[in-house]
């Protein structure tokens, strides 16, 4: 069975309570439950990882090549700052999709640049948690 790693970056553990007007009221656990259900329908396996620490995310990506067939990542604030995460995704050469709950291009100017998108096969932003579901469908098709 194909395996997909779903990575969530800093502060996404606070979903449901953090700025619900931007990120909605669904918790990360609730999103994971929806993704598990969809994964079963798509006949793929999903594994979830969340960290507020850049190095932990880099380590997880670096160890993913032999275990996973693709990556879905919401790097959160690291989208705009992390060359290390970008390099890790590039190095493992797994198909990867970047996801954002909010439309980063309609927010503050500093959020308009992604270091991660150029090393991914696509980016989905602004569709709430549906972005995760769409990403899972697409990556399941591609792998």
Protein backbone atom coordinates (compact mmCIF):
# COMPACT_ATOMS: atom_id res chain seq x y z
CA UNK A 1 0.00 0.00 0.00
CA UNK A 2 1.27 3.47 -0.88
CA UNK A 3 2.15 5.66 2.12
CA UNK A 4 1.85 9.43 2.34
CA UNK A 5 3.48 11.56 5.00
CA UNK A 6 1.43 14.58 6.07
CA UNK A 7 3.50 17.21 7.84
CA UNK A 8 2.12 20.21 9.72
CA UNK A 9 4.40 22.99 10.88
CA UNK A 10 4.41 25.47 13.74
CA UNK A 11 1.25 26.43 15.56
CA UNK A 12 -0.97 24.09 13.57
CA UNK A 13 -1.41 22.11 16.77
CA UNK A 14 -3.47 25.14 17.87
CA UNK A 15 -6.05 24.80 15.09
CA UNK A 16 -9.60 25.15 16.33
CA UNK A 17 -8.69 27.88 18.79
CA UNK A 18 -6.05 29.96 16.96
CA UNK A 19 -7.60 32.73 14.88
CA UNK A 20 -10.70 30.74 13.85
CA UNK A 21 -11.71 33.59 11.53
CA UNK A 22 -8.64 32.70 9.42
CA UNK A 23 -8.06 29.00 10.09
CA UNK A 24 -11.55 27.75 10.96
CA UNK A 25 -12.76 25.90 14.01
CA UNK A 26 -11.64 22.38 13.12
CA UNK A 27 -8.81 20.95 15.20
CA UNK A 28 -5.78 19.22 13.75
CA UNK A 29 -7.07 15.89 15.10
CA UNK A 30 -10.39 16.44 13.32
CA UNK A 31 -8.56 17.19 10.07
CA UNK A 32 -6.50 14.02 10.53
CA UNK A 33 -9.69 12.00 11.04
CA UNK A 34 -11.11 13.30 7.75
CA UNK A 35 -7.85 12.52 5.98
CA UNK A 36 -7.75 8.96 7.39
CA UNK A 37 -11.28 8.35 6.10
CA UNK A 38 -10.39 9.63 2.63
CA UNK A 39 -7.14 7.66 2.64
CA UNK A 40 -9.09 4.44 3.27
CA UNK A 41 -11.34 5.23 0.30
CA UNK A 42 -8.27 5.93 -1.87
CA UNK A 43 -6.51 2.79 -0.61
CA UNK A 44 -3.47 4.66 0.65
CA UNK A 45 -1.97 4.92 4.11
CA UNK A 46 -1.34 8.27 5.81
CA UNK A 47 1.06 9.11 8.62
CA UNK A 48 0.84 12.44 10.45
CA UNK A 49 3.63 14.55 11.91
CA UNK A 50 3.39 18.00 13.49
CA UNK A 51 6.21 20.02 14.96
CA UNK A 52 6.88 23.57 16.01
CA UNK A 53 10.61 22.97 15.44
CA UNK A 54 12.24 23.37 12.04
CA UNK A 55 14.97 20.80 12.67
CA UNK A 56 12.45 18.12 13.61
CA UNK A 57 10.58 18.73 10.35
CA UNK A 58 13.84 18.56 8.38
CA UNK A 59 14.77 15.30 10.15
CA UNK A 60 11.36 13.76 9.43
CA UNK A 61 11.55 14.66 5.74
CA UNK A 62 15.11 13.34 5.52
CA UNK A 63 14.05 9.96 6.92
CA UNK A 64 10.95 9.73 4.70
CA UNK A 65 12.47 8.51 1.41
CA UNK A 66 12.58 4.81 2.27
CA UNK A 67 9.21 4.72 4.05
CA UNK A 68 6.89 7.01 2.08
CA UNK A 69 5.78 7.52 -1.52
CA UNK A 70 4.80 11.18 -1.21
CA UNK A 71 4.55 14.16 1.13
CA UNK A 72 1.84 16.70 1.86
CA UNK A 73 3.21 19.60 3.86
CA UNK A 74 1.75 22.67 5.48
CA UNK A 75 4.98 24.34 6.55
CA UNK A 76 3.01 27.20 8.13
CA UNK A 77 5.33 30.11 9.00
CA UNK A 78 8.35 28.12 7.77
CA UNK A 79 6.93 28.53 4.25
CA UNK A 80 8.40 32.01 4.17
CA UNK A 81 11.68 31.38 5.97
CA UNK A 82 13.00 27.83 5.68
CA UNK A 83 15.63 27.03 3.11
CA UNK A 84 16.37 23.95 5.25
CA UNK A 85 12.89 22.47 4.71
CA UNK A 86 13.08 23.34 1.02
CA UNK A 87 16.44 21.57 0.71
CA UNK A 88 15.15 18.50 2.59
CA UNK A 89 12.16 18.15 0.25
CA UNK A 90 14.40 18.58 -2.75
CA UNK A 91 16.90 16.03 -1.43
CA UNK A 92 14.42 13.19 -0.84
CA UNK A 93 12.94 13.56 -4.34
CA UNK A 94 9.45 12.47 -3.29
CA UNK A 95 6.41 14.04 -4.95
CA UNK A 96 5.30 16.76 -2.52
CA UNK A 97 2.36 19.13 -2.33
CA UNK A 98 2.35 22.32 -0.24
CA UNK A 99 -0.96 23.14 1.49
CA UNK A 100 -2.19 26.26 3.28
CA UNK A 101 -5.55 26.67 4.96
CA UNK A 102 -5.65 30.41 4.28
CA UNK A 103 -4.84 32.20 1.05
CA UNK A 104 -1.31 33.32 1.84
CA UNK A 105 -1.39 35.69 -1.14
CA UNK A 106 -4.27 37.72 0.26
CA UNK A 107 -2.57 38.21 3.62
CA UNK A 108 0.46 40.23 4.72
CA UNK A 109 3.11 40.85 2.09
CA UNK A 110 5.74 38.78 3.89
CA UNK A 111 3.52 35.69 3.42
CA UNK A 112 3.46 36.03 -0.37
CA UNK A 113 6.78 34.24 -0.91
CA UNK A 114 7.19 30.49 -0.47
CA UNK A 115 10.60 28.87 -0.31
CA UNK A 116 8.83 25.50 -0.43
CA UNK A 117 6.58 25.76 -3.50
CA UNK A 118 9.36 25.60 -6.12
CA UNK A 119 10.38 22.10 -4.96
CA UNK A 120 6.80 20.80 -4.82
CA UNK A 121 4.62 19.54 -7.65
CA UNK A 122 1.93 21.99 -6.59
CA UNK A 123 0.59 24.36 -3.97
CA UNK A 124 -2.97 24.60 -2.66
CA UNK A 125 -3.92 27.68 -0.65
CA UNK A 126 -7.09 29.33 0.53
CA UNK A 127 -9.60 26.48 0.56
CA UNK A 128 -9.56 25.71 4.27
CA UNK A 129 -9.19 22.07 5.21
CA UNK A 130 -10.50 21.05 1.80
CA UNK A 131 -7.00 21.85 0.55
CA UNK A 132 -5.66 18.86 2.49
CA UNK A 133 -8.34 16.60 1.01
CA UNK A 134 -7.64 17.78 -2.53
CA UNK A 135 -3.91 17.33 -1.98
CA UNK A 136 -4.45 13.78 -0.77
CA UNK A 137 -6.56 12.94 -3.83
CA UNK A 138 -3.97 14.40 -6.18
CA UNK A 139 -0.93 12.81 -4.61
CA UNK A 140 -2.71 9.42 -4.45
CA UNK A 141 -3.33 9.74 -8.20
CA UNK A 142 0.29 10.65 -8.88
CA UNK A 143 1.99 7.93 -6.88
